[in-house]
Each structure stands twice: as C-alpha cells, then as structure tokens.
Protein backbone atom coordinates (compact mmCIF):
# COMPACT_ATOMS: atom_id res chain seq x y z
CA MET A 1 55.72 -27.75 -126.20
CA SER A 2 58.06 -25.79 -124.01
CA SER A 3 61.19 -27.74 -123.30
CA VAL A 4 61.69 -29.67 -120.09
CA GLY A 5 65.29 -28.66 -119.64
CA PRO A 6 67.29 -25.54 -120.26
CA GLN A 7 67.15 -23.71 -123.56
CA GLN A 8 70.65 -23.69 -125.02
CA THR A 9 72.29 -22.52 -128.21
CA GLY A 10 75.14 -24.04 -130.16
CA VAL A 11 76.14 -27.69 -130.18
CA LEU A 12 77.19 -29.38 -126.97
CA ARG A 13 80.13 -31.75 -126.76
CA ARG A 14 79.05 -35.17 -127.93
CA THR A 15 79.70 -38.38 -126.07
CA PRO A 16 82.11 -40.97 -127.45
CA THR A 17 80.72 -44.46 -127.83
CA ILE A 18 81.58 -46.98 -125.12
CA ALA A 19 80.59 -50.62 -124.68
CA ILE A 20 77.14 -51.26 -123.20
CA PRO A 21 77.73 -51.95 -119.50
CA SER A 22 76.55 -55.35 -118.33
CA ASP A 23 75.71 -54.24 -114.79
CA VAL A 24 72.90 -51.83 -115.80
CA THR A 25 69.56 -53.62 -115.30
CA CYS A 26 67.10 -50.71 -115.61
CA PRO A 27 66.60 -48.71 -118.84
CA ALA A 28 66.87 -45.47 -116.87
CA GLY A 29 70.24 -46.66 -115.55
CA PHE A 30 71.86 -45.81 -118.86
CA HIS A 31 70.86 -42.16 -118.41
CA GLU A 32 72.27 -42.21 -114.89
CA LEU A 33 75.54 -43.57 -116.28
CA ARG A 34 75.77 -40.93 -119.02
CA ALA A 35 75.06 -38.14 -116.54
CA ARG A 36 77.86 -39.43 -114.35
CA VAL A 37 80.56 -39.96 -117.00
CA ASP A 38 79.70 -37.10 -119.39
CA PRO A 39 77.15 -34.69 -117.88
CA ASP A 40 77.72 -31.98 -120.52
CA GLY A 41 77.52 -34.29 -123.54
CA LEU A 42 74.59 -33.85 -125.90
CA CYS A 43 71.60 -36.11 -125.22
CA TRP A 44 68.59 -34.83 -127.22
CA ILE A 45 67.76 -32.21 -129.82
CA PHE A 46 64.11 -31.26 -130.23
CA GLY A 47 63.45 -28.21 -132.37
CA ASP A 48 65.48 -25.37 -130.90
CA SER A 49 65.91 -27.11 -127.54
CA ARG A 50 68.86 -29.20 -126.45
CA TRP A 51 69.43 -31.40 -123.42
CA SER A 52 72.76 -32.58 -122.09
CA TRP A 53 72.97 -35.99 -120.43
CA GLY A 54 72.99 -34.19 -117.10
CA ASP A 55 69.89 -32.16 -118.01
CA ALA A 56 68.01 -35.27 -119.18
CA TRP A 57 68.84 -37.26 -116.06
CA ASP A 58 67.81 -34.39 -113.82
CA ASP A 59 64.46 -34.09 -115.66
CA ILE A 60 63.89 -37.86 -115.49
CA ARG A 61 64.49 -37.85 -111.72
CA ARG A 62 62.18 -34.84 -111.27
CA PHE A 63 59.55 -36.57 -113.39
CA ALA A 64 59.73 -39.65 -111.14
CA GLY A 65 59.39 -37.47 -108.05
CA ALA A 66 56.38 -35.63 -109.48
CA LEU A 67 54.71 -38.96 -110.29
CA ARG A 68 55.28 -40.12 -106.72
CA ARG A 69 53.85 -36.82 -105.43
CA GLU A 70 50.80 -37.47 -107.64
CA GLY A 71 50.26 -40.81 -105.90
CA VAL A 72 51.76 -43.08 -108.56
CA VAL A 73 53.40 -46.02 -106.81
CA TYR A 74 54.98 -49.35 -107.64
CA GLY A 75 52.76 -51.34 -110.03
CA ASP A 76 50.71 -48.35 -111.22
CA ARG A 77 50.36 -47.10 -114.79
CA ILE A 78 50.53 -43.67 -116.39
CA ALA A 79 49.57 -42.71 -119.97
CA PHE A 80 50.88 -40.31 -122.60
CA LEU A 81 48.81 -39.02 -125.53
CA ASP A 82 50.90 -36.82 -127.78
CA SER A 83 53.20 -36.73 -130.78
CA LEU A 84 56.73 -37.74 -129.95
CA ASN A 85 58.69 -35.32 -127.80
CA PRO A 86 61.35 -35.65 -125.08
CA ALA A 87 58.73 -35.61 -122.32
CA ILE A 88 57.41 -38.98 -123.55
CA ILE A 89 60.91 -40.41 -123.29
CA MET A 90 61.32 -38.93 -119.81
CA ALA A 91 58.00 -40.42 -118.71
CA MET A 92 59.06 -43.93 -119.74
CA HIS A 93 62.36 -43.74 -117.85
CA ALA A 94 60.80 -42.05 -114.83
CA ALA A 95 58.19 -44.80 -114.60
CA CYS A 96 61.02 -47.35 -114.61
CA LEU A 97 62.60 -45.69 -111.57
CA ILE A 98 59.51 -46.21 -109.40
CA GLY A 99 58.35 -49.55 -110.84
CA ALA A 100 55.40 -48.11 -112.79
CA ALA A 101 54.53 -48.65 -116.47
CA ASP A 102 53.99 -46.08 -119.20
CA VAL A 103 51.04 -46.51 -121.58
CA VAL A 104 51.84 -44.75 -124.85
CA VAL A 105 48.60 -43.88 -126.67
CA ASP A 106 48.54 -43.24 -130.42
CA PRO A 107 47.15 -39.70 -130.81
CA ARG A 108 45.54 -40.64 -134.13
CA LEU A 109 43.06 -42.98 -132.44
CA ALA A 110 39.37 -42.13 -132.25
CA PRO A 111 38.00 -40.86 -128.90
CA ASP A 112 36.22 -44.19 -128.29
CA GLU A 113 39.49 -46.08 -128.77
CA ILE A 114 41.37 -43.73 -126.44
CA GLU A 115 38.66 -44.05 -123.81
CA TYR A 116 38.88 -47.85 -124.01
CA ILE A 117 42.68 -47.79 -123.52
CA LEU A 118 42.45 -45.46 -120.53
CA ARG A 119 39.77 -47.63 -118.95
CA ASP A 120 41.55 -50.90 -119.70
CA SER A 121 44.95 -49.69 -118.49
CA GLY A 122 43.71 -47.95 -115.35
CA ALA A 123 46.23 -45.13 -115.81
CA LYS A 124 46.41 -42.72 -112.85
CA VAL A 125 47.93 -39.76 -114.71
CA LEU A 126 47.42 -38.81 -118.35
CA PHE A 127 49.78 -36.45 -120.17
CA VAL A 128 48.09 -34.82 -123.17
CA GLY A 129 49.62 -32.76 -125.98
CA HIS A 130 47.90 -29.39 -126.17
CA GLU A 131 46.55 -30.02 -129.69
CA HIS A 132 44.68 -33.06 -128.36
CA GLU A 133 42.99 -31.18 -125.51
CA PRO A 134 39.61 -30.98 -127.32
CA THR A 135 39.66 -34.76 -127.86
CA ILE A 136 40.38 -35.57 -124.25
CA ALA A 137 37.89 -33.05 -122.87
CA THR A 138 35.00 -35.29 -123.91
CA LEU A 139 36.51 -38.19 -121.95
CA LEU A 140 36.99 -36.48 -118.60
CA GLU A 141 33.50 -37.32 -117.38
CA GLU A 142 34.26 -41.01 -117.94
CA HIS A 143 37.48 -40.81 -115.91
CA PRO A 144 36.97 -38.27 -113.10
CA ALA A 145 39.78 -39.75 -110.98
CA ILE A 146 42.52 -39.44 -113.60
CA THR A 147 44.94 -36.52 -113.36
CA ILE A 148 45.40 -34.61 -116.63
CA VAL A 149 48.63 -32.73 -117.39
CA LEU A 150 48.71 -30.64 -120.59
CA VAL A 151 51.98 -30.66 -122.49
CA GLY A 152 53.07 -27.75 -124.71
CA GLY A 153 51.11 -24.87 -126.15
CA PRO A 154 49.98 -21.70 -124.37
CA SER A 155 48.53 -23.65 -121.43
CA ASP A 156 51.57 -25.90 -120.89
CA GLU A 157 51.39 -27.46 -117.44
CA LEU A 158 54.38 -29.80 -117.55
CA GLU A 159 57.14 -27.53 -116.22
CA PRO A 160 54.95 -26.17 -113.38
CA TRP A 161 53.94 -29.77 -112.61
CA LEU A 162 57.61 -30.76 -112.34
CA ALA A 163 58.61 -27.70 -110.35
CA GLY A 164 59.70 -28.46 -106.82
CA ALA A 165 59.43 -32.24 -107.25
CA GLU A 166 61.84 -34.42 -105.30
CA ARG A 167 64.53 -35.98 -107.48
CA LEU A 168 64.20 -39.74 -107.22
CA ASP A 169 66.70 -42.45 -108.10
CA GLN A 170 65.75 -46.06 -108.81
CA GLN A 171 63.69 -47.34 -105.89
CA VAL A 172 64.91 -50.38 -103.96
CA ASP A 173 61.82 -52.50 -104.67
CA VAL A 174 62.13 -52.20 -108.48
CA THR A 175 63.20 -55.38 -110.29
CA PRO A 176 64.03 -56.22 -113.93
CA ASP A 177 60.79 -58.21 -114.16
CA ASP A 178 58.62 -55.17 -113.48
CA PRO A 179 56.52 -53.85 -116.40
CA CYS A 180 57.79 -50.54 -117.81
CA LEU A 181 55.68 -50.18 -120.99
CA VAL A 182 52.17 -51.11 -122.06
CA LEU A 183 51.80 -50.70 -125.82
CA TYR A 184 48.37 -51.37 -127.28
CA SER A 185 48.13 -53.47 -130.42
CA SER A 186 46.93 -51.84 -133.59
CA GLY A 187 43.52 -53.44 -133.25
CA THR A 188 43.35 -55.03 -136.71
CA THR A 189 40.89 -57.51 -135.18
CA GLY A 190 38.58 -56.52 -132.33
CA ARG A 191 39.62 -54.27 -129.45
CA PRO A 192 43.33 -53.51 -129.05
CA LYS A 193 45.22 -55.48 -126.42
CA GLY A 194 47.71 -54.04 -123.98
CA ILE A 195 51.11 -55.64 -124.60
CA VAL A 196 53.12 -55.60 -121.38
CA LEU A 197 56.89 -55.17 -121.72
CA THR A 198 59.18 -55.52 -118.73
CA GLN A 199 62.39 -53.70 -117.99
CA HIS A 200 64.24 -56.96 -118.71
CA ASN A 201 62.52 -57.28 -122.11
CA VAL A 202 63.64 -53.78 -123.09
CA MET A 203 67.17 -54.28 -121.78
CA MET A 204 67.66 -57.55 -123.67
CA HIS A 205 66.51 -55.84 -126.85
CA ALA A 206 68.95 -52.97 -126.28
CA ARG A 207 71.85 -55.40 -125.86
CA ARG A 208 71.09 -57.67 -128.81
CA ALA A 209 69.10 -55.95 -131.56
CA TRP A 210 71.76 -53.49 -132.72
CA GLY A 211 74.94 -55.54 -132.60
CA ASP A 212 75.97 -54.87 -136.23
CA LEU A 213 75.72 -51.08 -135.85
CA ASP A 214 78.81 -48.99 -135.18
CA PHE A 215 78.62 -45.64 -133.41
CA ALA A 216 81.40 -43.07 -133.40
CA ASP A 217 81.96 -39.70 -131.78
CA GLY A 218 79.72 -37.20 -133.55
CA ASP A 219 77.03 -39.70 -134.59
CA MET A 220 73.34 -39.03 -133.99
CA ILE A 221 70.31 -41.31 -134.13
CA LEU A 222 66.75 -40.49 -135.14
CA LEU A 223 64.00 -40.78 -132.54
CA THR A 224 60.55 -41.16 -134.11
CA ALA A 225 57.25 -42.32 -132.67
CA MET A 226 57.46 -45.77 -134.20
CA MET A 227 60.81 -46.69 -132.62
CA PHE A 228 61.13 -44.22 -129.76
CA HIS A 229 61.48 -46.75 -126.93
CA PRO A 230 64.17 -49.03 -128.43
CA CYS A 231 66.09 -46.14 -129.98
CA ALA A 232 65.92 -43.97 -126.86
CA VAL A 233 67.40 -46.79 -124.79
CA LEU A 234 69.98 -47.48 -127.52
CA GLY A 235 71.06 -43.84 -127.52
CA ALA A 236 71.67 -43.76 -123.78
CA ALA A 237 73.23 -47.23 -123.81
CA THR A 238 75.82 -46.26 -126.43
CA GLY A 239 76.17 -42.61 -125.52
CA THR A 240 74.76 -41.51 -128.88
CA PRO A 241 72.61 -38.35 -128.91
CA GLY A 242 69.19 -38.43 -130.54
CA ILE A 243 67.26 -36.02 -132.72
CA VAL A 244 63.57 -36.15 -131.73
CA VAL A 245 61.17 -35.74 -134.67
CA ALA A 246 57.46 -35.44 -133.93
CA THR A 247 56.07 -36.38 -137.36
CA TRP A 248 57.18 -38.08 -140.58
CA SER A 249 58.06 -35.05 -142.65
CA ILE A 250 60.66 -34.69 -145.41
CA GLU A 251 61.30 -31.14 -144.17
CA LEU A 252 61.85 -32.21 -140.56
CA LEU A 253 64.12 -35.08 -141.51
CA THR A 254 66.09 -32.88 -143.88
CA ALA A 255 66.58 -30.46 -140.98
CA ALA A 256 67.74 -33.41 -138.89
CA LEU A 257 70.35 -34.18 -141.54
CA ASP A 258 71.57 -30.60 -141.29
CA ALA A 259 71.82 -31.02 -137.50
CA GLY A 260 74.08 -34.05 -137.86
CA LEU A 261 71.80 -37.08 -138.18
CA THR A 262 73.77 -40.22 -139.11
CA HIS A 263 71.59 -43.22 -138.17
CA ALA A 264 67.88 -43.33 -139.07
CA PHE A 265 64.96 -45.71 -138.86
CA LEU A 266 62.63 -45.07 -141.81
CA THR A 267 59.38 -46.74 -142.78
CA PRO A 268 59.03 -48.16 -146.30
CA SER A 269 56.19 -45.72 -146.94
CA PHE A 270 58.44 -42.78 -146.03
CA ILE A 271 61.24 -44.09 -148.24
CA GLY A 272 58.61 -44.25 -150.99
CA ARG A 273 57.80 -40.58 -150.38
CA LEU A 274 61.49 -39.70 -150.70
CA HIS A 275 61.73 -41.67 -153.94
CA ARG A 276 58.63 -40.00 -155.42
CA ALA A 277 60.01 -36.58 -154.45
CA GLY A 278 62.77 -37.12 -157.00
CA PRO A 279 66.47 -38.02 -157.28
CA GLN A 280 67.63 -34.78 -155.67
CA VAL A 281 65.65 -35.46 -152.48
CA MET A 282 66.59 -39.14 -152.46
CA SER A 283 70.29 -38.34 -152.84
CA ARG A 284 70.07 -35.85 -149.96
CA PHE A 285 69.80 -38.85 -147.61
CA ALA A 286 72.73 -40.72 -149.16
CA GLY A 287 75.07 -39.31 -146.52
CA LEU A 288 73.43 -41.33 -143.74
CA LYS A 289 75.70 -43.99 -142.28
CA THR A 290 72.81 -46.39 -141.71
CA VAL A 291 69.17 -46.64 -142.72
CA THR A 292 67.17 -49.23 -140.85
CA TYR A 293 63.70 -49.92 -142.21
CA GLY A 294 60.77 -52.14 -141.28
CA GLY A 295 57.23 -52.16 -139.94
CA ALA A 296 55.73 -53.03 -143.32
CA PRO A 297 56.92 -54.81 -146.48
CA MET A 298 59.26 -52.90 -148.76
CA PRO A 299 58.25 -53.25 -152.43
CA THR A 300 61.16 -54.80 -154.33
CA PRO A 301 61.41 -52.00 -156.96
CA LEU A 302 61.60 -49.40 -154.18
CA LEU A 303 64.24 -51.44 -152.34
CA ARG A 304 66.35 -51.67 -155.49
CA ALA A 305 65.99 -47.91 -155.96
CA ALA A 306 67.18 -47.30 -152.39
CA ILE A 307 70.18 -49.59 -152.85
CA ASP A 308 71.16 -47.67 -155.99
CA ALA A 309 70.54 -44.22 -154.49
CA TRP A 310 72.43 -44.91 -151.25
CA PRO A 311 75.56 -46.84 -152.28
CA SER A 312 77.55 -45.94 -149.16
CA THR A 313 74.72 -46.26 -146.65
CA GLN A 314 74.50 -49.38 -144.51
CA LEU A 315 70.98 -50.75 -145.13
CA ARG A 316 69.29 -52.89 -142.52
CA GLN A 317 65.83 -54.41 -142.69
CA VAL A 318 64.33 -55.42 -139.35
CA TYR A 319 61.41 -57.73 -138.68
CA GLY A 320 59.79 -58.18 -135.33
CA MET A 321 56.79 -57.82 -133.07
CA THR A 322 55.73 -55.38 -130.39
CA GLU A 323 55.26 -58.51 -128.27
CA THR A 324 59.05 -58.93 -128.37
CA VAL A 325 59.82 -55.18 -127.96
CA ALA A 326 60.69 -54.81 -131.64
CA VAL A 327 63.45 -56.56 -133.57
CA LEU A 328 63.71 -60.34 -134.04
CA THR A 329 65.62 -60.63 -137.32
CA VAL A 330 67.93 -58.38 -139.32
CA LEU A 331 68.80 -58.41 -143.03
CA ASP A 332 72.17 -56.70 -142.95
CA ASP A 333 73.82 -54.57 -145.60
CA SER A 334 76.00 -57.36 -146.98
CA ALA A 335 72.89 -59.41 -147.75
CA HIS A 336 71.28 -56.40 -149.44
CA ARG A 337 74.22 -56.12 -151.83
CA ASP A 338 75.04 -59.83 -152.29
CA ALA A 339 74.94 -60.37 -156.06
CA ASP A 340 75.31 -64.13 -155.58
CA HIS A 341 72.10 -64.37 -153.54
CA PRO A 342 69.59 -61.83 -154.88
CA GLU A 343 66.75 -63.97 -153.49
CA ARG A 344 67.73 -62.87 -149.98
CA LEU A 345 66.36 -59.41 -150.69
CA LEU A 346 62.96 -61.05 -150.23
CA SER A 347 63.89 -62.34 -146.78
CA ALA A 348 63.64 -60.73 -143.36
CA GLY A 349 67.22 -61.65 -142.58
CA ARG A 350 68.53 -63.86 -139.81
CA PRO A 351 67.62 -63.96 -136.10
CA ILE A 352 69.56 -61.62 -133.85
CA PRO A 353 71.58 -63.13 -130.96
CA GLY A 354 69.40 -64.75 -128.32
CA VAL A 355 66.48 -65.39 -130.70
CA GLU A 356 65.44 -68.90 -131.76
CA VAL A 357 62.99 -69.58 -134.60
CA ARG A 358 60.77 -72.53 -135.59
CA THR A 359 58.31 -73.08 -138.43
CA VAL A 360 55.22 -74.85 -137.15
CA ASP A 361 52.06 -76.19 -138.71
CA PRO A 362 49.44 -73.81 -137.23
CA VAL A 363 46.86 -76.61 -136.98
CA THR A 364 48.88 -79.56 -135.64
CA ARG A 365 51.49 -77.36 -133.93
CA ARG A 366 54.22 -79.68 -135.13
CA ASP A 367 57.42 -78.51 -136.81
CA VAL A 368 57.27 -78.61 -140.59
CA ALA A 369 60.06 -80.12 -142.71
CA PRO A 370 63.23 -77.97 -143.05
CA GLY A 371 62.63 -75.24 -145.61
CA GLY A 372 58.87 -75.73 -145.53
CA ALA A 373 56.31 -73.03 -144.82
CA GLY A 374 54.59 -72.79 -141.46
CA GLU A 375 53.79 -70.32 -138.73
CA LEU A 376 56.93 -68.63 -137.45
CA TRP A 377 57.48 -69.15 -133.72
CA PHE A 378 60.20 -67.35 -131.79
CA ARG A 379 61.78 -67.78 -128.38
CA THR A 380 63.69 -64.93 -126.75
CA GLU A 381 64.09 -63.11 -123.46
CA GLN A 382 62.49 -60.13 -125.19
CA THR A 383 59.06 -61.84 -125.12
CA THR A 384 56.23 -60.12 -123.28
CA PRO A 385 54.90 -61.78 -120.12
CA GLY A 386 51.48 -61.33 -121.70
CA PHE A 387 48.55 -59.09 -122.48
CA LEU A 388 47.12 -56.84 -119.80
CA HIS A 389 43.95 -58.36 -118.26
CA ASP A 390 43.73 -61.07 -120.95
CA SER A 391 45.10 -64.43 -119.87
CA ARG A 392 43.22 -66.25 -122.64
CA ALA A 393 44.86 -64.21 -125.39
CA THR A 394 48.21 -64.58 -123.63
CA ALA A 395 47.84 -68.37 -123.65
CA GLU A 396 47.23 -68.24 -127.39
CA LEU A 397 50.24 -66.00 -127.98
CA VAL A 398 52.90 -67.62 -125.77
CA VAL A 399 52.83 -71.42 -125.92
CA GLY A 400 54.90 -74.36 -124.78
CA ASP A 401 58.30 -73.48 -123.42
CA ARG A 402 57.93 -69.68 -123.92
CA TRP A 403 57.54 -69.79 -127.71
CA VAL A 404 55.70 -66.74 -129.07
CA ARG A 405 53.47 -67.23 -132.09
CA SER A 406 54.02 -64.53 -134.70
CA GLY A 407 50.83 -65.06 -136.70
CA ASP A 408 53.00 -64.96 -139.82
CA ILE A 409 53.49 -67.77 -142.32
CA GLY A 410 57.10 -68.16 -143.36
CA SER A 411 60.08 -70.41 -143.88
CA VAL A 412 63.76 -70.60 -142.97
CA ASP A 413 66.33 -71.51 -145.61
CA ALA A 414 69.55 -73.49 -145.16
CA GLY A 415 71.47 -70.28 -144.49
CA GLY A 416 69.19 -69.32 -141.60
CA PHE A 417 67.41 -66.55 -143.51
CA VAL A 418 63.78 -66.09 -142.50
CA PHE A 419 61.27 -65.54 -145.29
CA VAL A 420 57.91 -64.07 -144.22
CA VAL A 421 55.20 -65.08 -146.66
CA ASP A 422 52.01 -63.63 -145.19
CA ARG A 423 49.79 -63.15 -142.20
CA ILE A 424 47.79 -66.27 -141.39
CA LYS A 425 44.54 -64.29 -141.35
CA ASP A 426 45.29 -62.76 -144.76
CA LEU A 427 45.62 -66.07 -146.65
CA ILE A 428 43.09 -66.57 -149.46
CA LEU A 429 41.48 -69.98 -150.01
CA HIS A 430 40.59 -70.19 -153.70
CA ASN A 431 39.02 -73.56 -154.53
CA GLU A 432 41.55 -76.09 -153.20
CA ASP A 433 44.48 -73.68 -153.39
CA THR A 434 46.05 -71.31 -150.88
CA VAL A 435 47.00 -67.90 -152.26
CA TYR A 436 49.55 -65.74 -150.45
CA PRO A 437 48.56 -62.09 -151.01
CA SER A 438 52.14 -60.86 -150.63
CA GLU A 439 53.18 -62.95 -153.63
CA VAL A 440 50.55 -61.24 -155.79
CA GLU A 441 51.40 -57.81 -154.35
CA ARG A 442 55.05 -58.35 -155.27
CA VAL A 443 54.07 -58.83 -158.91
CA LEU A 444 51.73 -55.83 -158.87
CA ALA A 445 54.57 -53.69 -157.53
CA GLU A 446 56.54 -54.39 -160.71
CA HIS A 447 53.88 -52.69 -162.86
CA PRO A 448 55.10 -49.21 -163.87
CA ASN A 449 51.76 -47.53 -163.10
CA VAL A 450 51.17 -49.11 -159.66
CA LEU A 451 52.28 -47.15 -156.60
CA GLU A 452 51.08 -49.66 -154.01
CA SER A 453 48.54 -52.42 -153.66
CA ALA A 454 46.76 -54.73 -151.25
CA VAL A 455 45.39 -58.13 -152.20
CA ILE A 456 42.41 -59.57 -150.32
CA GLY A 457 40.01 -62.47 -150.56
CA VAL A 458 36.35 -61.68 -151.27
CA PRO A 459 33.33 -64.00 -151.29
CA ASP A 460 32.82 -66.21 -154.33
CA LYS A 461 29.90 -68.66 -154.62
CA VAL A 462 31.91 -71.10 -156.74
CA SER A 463 35.48 -70.94 -155.41
CA GLY A 464 34.83 -69.81 -151.83
CA GLU A 465 37.06 -66.80 -152.19
CA SER A 466 38.33 -64.93 -155.20
CA VAL A 467 41.43 -62.78 -155.41
CA LYS A 468 40.86 -59.01 -155.48
CA ALA A 469 43.59 -56.40 -155.91
CA VAL A 470 43.10 -52.94 -154.43
CA VAL A 471 45.51 -50.62 -156.24
CA VAL A 472 46.78 -47.05 -155.83
CA PRO A 473 48.12 -45.67 -159.15
CA ARG A 474 51.35 -43.72 -159.31
CA PRO A 475 50.87 -39.92 -159.39
CA GLY A 476 50.09 -38.81 -162.92
CA SER A 477 49.36 -42.37 -164.07
CA SER A 478 46.23 -44.40 -164.60
CA VAL A 479 45.72 -48.13 -164.29
CA ASP A 480 43.78 -50.13 -166.86
CA THR A 481 42.34 -52.97 -164.78
CA THR A 482 42.06 -55.39 -167.73
CA GLU A 483 45.68 -54.76 -168.71
CA LEU A 484 46.81 -55.12 -165.09
CA ILE A 485 45.13 -58.52 -164.74
CA ALA A 486 46.78 -59.60 -167.99
CA PHE A 487 50.12 -58.35 -166.60
CA THR A 488 49.79 -60.63 -163.56
CA ARG A 489 48.50 -63.59 -165.58
CA VAL A 490 51.82 -64.06 -167.39
CA ARG A 491 53.72 -63.84 -164.10
CA LEU A 492 51.56 -65.88 -161.76
CA ALA A 493 49.73 -69.18 -161.72
CA LEU A 494 46.10 -68.79 -162.83
CA HIS A 495 44.63 -69.34 -159.38
CA LYS A 496 46.79 -66.50 -157.98
CA THR A 497 45.77 -63.98 -160.62
CA PRO A 498 43.35 -61.27 -159.41
CA GLN A 499 39.83 -61.78 -160.69
CA SER A 500 38.97 -58.14 -160.00
CA VAL A 501 40.75 -54.84 -159.34
CA ASP A 502 39.61 -51.80 -157.38
CA ILE A 503 41.32 -48.44 -157.95
CA VAL A 504 41.63 -46.21 -154.86
CA THR A 505 43.56 -43.07 -153.92
CA THR A 506 44.94 -44.38 -150.61
CA LEU A 507 45.09 -47.59 -148.58
CA PRO A 508 43.93 -47.62 -144.95
CA ARG A 509 46.83 -48.04 -142.53
CA ASN A 510 47.36 -48.40 -138.81
CA SER A 511 49.79 -46.39 -136.69
CA LEU A 512 52.72 -48.58 -137.78
CA GLY A 513 52.06 -48.05 -141.47
CA LYS A 514 50.64 -51.53 -142.05
CA VAL A 515 47.72 -51.82 -144.43
CA LEU A 516 44.45 -52.63 -142.65
CA LYS A 517 43.23 -55.46 -144.82
CA ARG A 518 40.31 -56.16 -142.54
CA THR A 519 39.03 -52.66 -143.33
CA LEU A 520 39.27 -53.46 -147.04
CA ARG A 521 37.60 -56.88 -146.65
CA ASP A 522 34.73 -55.94 -144.34
CA PRO A 523 32.40 -54.37 -146.94
CA TYR A 524 32.58 -57.51 -149.09
CA TRP A 525 31.92 -59.91 -146.22
CA ALA A 526 29.23 -57.86 -144.48
CA ALA A 527 26.39 -59.91 -145.99
CA SER A 528 28.21 -63.24 -145.82
CA GLN A 529 27.60 -65.92 -143.22
CA ARG A 530 31.32 -66.63 -143.06
CA ARG A 531 33.96 -64.09 -142.08
CA ILE A 532 37.71 -64.44 -142.46
C-alpha cells in the first residue's frame, strides 16, 4: 500500500516512556497525547514508511472525518479486510473518535465466510487490500449499499479518499461504554460470532495486561495481525514506537530486529519455525528484551529450547480470550526460570491485576474444591458486553455476576498459578474415563521424530470413543506408528494411550494458530448418530 502519512528517511527521535495517564478514557486519546507532547517522535515503521506521532494523529483525525463524510455516524460499523498495515490501526482509532466500531476481517477466510461477516455486522464502509480485490468483487452484488475503498497497489484509493476530509477530534457523545471493535470468533463450531469490545474494555486491558514490562527510550514493539489492537494501544499509551509487520516471516522479523525491535509477541508455531531454522537463526533473536508468546500451547521441548537460546530475554506466556480483549494471565520470566518449581512451566501463569478466577463444575456450576479441575471462569472489566445480535450465546458466555466462561478445563494451585488442561469440547470419554488430549500431546511432543500433534476422540463401538493421535513428523524424519504407541504406553495410563495414529504433513489451524480439532474429527463422526 502507499503510506498514509509522509514518506521520510532516517530515524526520527523516539519518545521516552512515561506513565500511562489515568485521565485518558478513549484509545485514540493516547495518540492525541503523544502528538501534543512529542509530535516529532517516531510512532510507526511500515516498510520504508515512517510516521511521527504528529503524522499518525493527523491521519487518524482525517480518517474520522472521511468516515463522517461517508455517512458513518455514532453506533455504526466499518470493516477492514487486509493484512496488517497502519491504515487498519488508524481505522480502529478513527472509529473510536466518532463512536463507531471497526470490524477486522481475517483475509484468509473463504468468500462465503466474509460475506456472512459483512451481512451480520452491517458495516457501512469496507476497506479492502488490493490483493483481495478479486475476492470481494464477487460479493458486491450481495451488498450494493456498502462503500468499498481499495487500499494499496496500483489502484490505491485510500489517500484520495482521505484528501480534503475534515479533521475530527473525539465527539462529545462518545462514551467509554461504546463499542470500538467487533472481532469475529474463529468459528471452530458453527458460524463465527461477532465479539463486541468497548472502549473501556480496551483501555482496561492497556492499563493492566502489561504491568511487568519495562519500556525505555529507544525501545520498539512489534505490531502483528494477531495482537495489533492491544499492542497498538500499548505503544501509544507508553510512547513506544511500533514496527508493523504484515505477515509472519523470518525475513520480515529479522529486518525488524535490524530496525531496532526490542519487544515482540510471537506465536509458538513461529518460535518453532525459528528453532527448526537452526541455532544461528534462533540466536539472532536473543537480543530481544522481551518475547511474549501465546495463542496456542507451547510444546515443552520447544519452550525449554527457547529458554536456553534466549538467556537474557524476558519470556512471558499470556493466556486469554478475545472475549476479554486478550490477556487474562501471565507466566512471567521468573517463573520460566524457577528451578525450584519446574512444574510451573506447564501453567498459564497468574491472573493480571483486576482479573478474578474460579474453577467451576460445568454441569452443576458450583465451585470445585481448591486445586481441583473445573471450567475456568473469569471476572474482569475487560469482558465483552456480548456477541453481536446473539443474546442467547451471550447469556451462555457471561453468567451470574459478570463471570465469563472460558470453555477451558483447568485448575488453580496454592500459589495462584492457573493450569489449563483442555477445551471442554475436546475432552475424550473412553469407557468410564475422561482423557485430556493435551496430556497425551505433551507426551507425543517428547518423541524425537514428532514435530507436532493433535489428539482427538473417534467413534468406538465398545468404549464410546477411542484416542487417536494425528502426527506431523519432523522434517527429514519418519514416524513408526507402532513404536510411537509403545512410546506413549510407558509414559501414560493405558486408557490415555492412543489406539491409532494418523501421519499428516500439516495440521489445520485457524487465524490464531490454534489447531482445528473439529476439522480433524468430522470425517470420523460423519456417519455417527452422536457428534461431539
């Protein structure tokens, strides 16, 4: 895309970190503050383009004015379909200024899924990356009233669309309780649901989720698609510039290191790619001050390899839900390297400030005994007000006195560490026993020839469900299924041992990198009268 903001060369002066102001109530307010106190400080780097805080704030205000000119008013929704770029960040903050909400659409979705999201959200304006123009062209007949703005490429319309727009500040009718984001669930079961997040939700997350991170003059954070909204707000809140990366690429992230990247959020699958690329590539990232990871389980052998490869890097695992913006718990660096409590490497850490946790029997909805396993429930000001147009699903998600059900089975130890065992819908019922797939997957990950695995339950006429492992071998290796089953049998109880193993080249994943176990299960249950 062509940049929205002046093309500049060299490195701009970077903003020193200051405390997050308590009087800012709108996410866009942090950009207003930075533009006022340090207008020439560096805000974003995207490719060869750079924005100062003053540039970014000016573009955000122009974006808000162009939306208003397009007829977008308080309570409306807009949508963005593209890989991550600064325009997506501008759109979110501009929507906040006028009390609208931004619907961020995963560009990897199928046309039918995109059409459903546009119809369900009722977006008035859709911004489309130029490479996705053929996809969206087939949908225009279904949505004749929606305004399409192409972003980037030879037919870039964004800068002309912004030209001449009035620069708007936060409108007087906007409140912290107004929705600012609608993020659609990954759709692991049925149609995706629009998760509504308010300005207050996002602000509470910005104030509480990153408390153990330190930022200094010269630091830079990574902005990727998975964590763009919390990290973009964090950058403006702390005065820390961000490097915007469109795709998960070793080359792009290595270039970000060369540009000064110091704080990164990485997915476990990407860390696995770094590890498989060899010690030289892995050590290249050892200069990062912090690596935060999450979104999917980190195999224990890979985690140990990262700890060894990055001895001076502050490691942080985060666990959370889109329904609570993002982070609920953090496993900090001291817990990663605590030789007296190695078992805590298997935990998701402890709740961040302002987050309460319970373990509840999912059937009786009563608290289980301390240390026992149950569904993890959380209460926090970060919790969504609900799903868009789906009060029934909202009532299932948020219960009682604003407790949000995670759908995860877990426990909390005496030290307050949260251990996530498995998704409720992924549990396997083998005879009278409950099998947690993650426990089996943890053992499979220890096998030298196994790159990754997913364990599912498949129909069994005798036991109800039997345990099946779906395994991806390491590059250059092969997996003997009989030997692999024998490997697990000496490490697991008999009822947990896989009865069968499938060898595949890749595992299906959603946009967050989570394995789609329903996709793996469906072929086996297609002819069954019972589905799980």
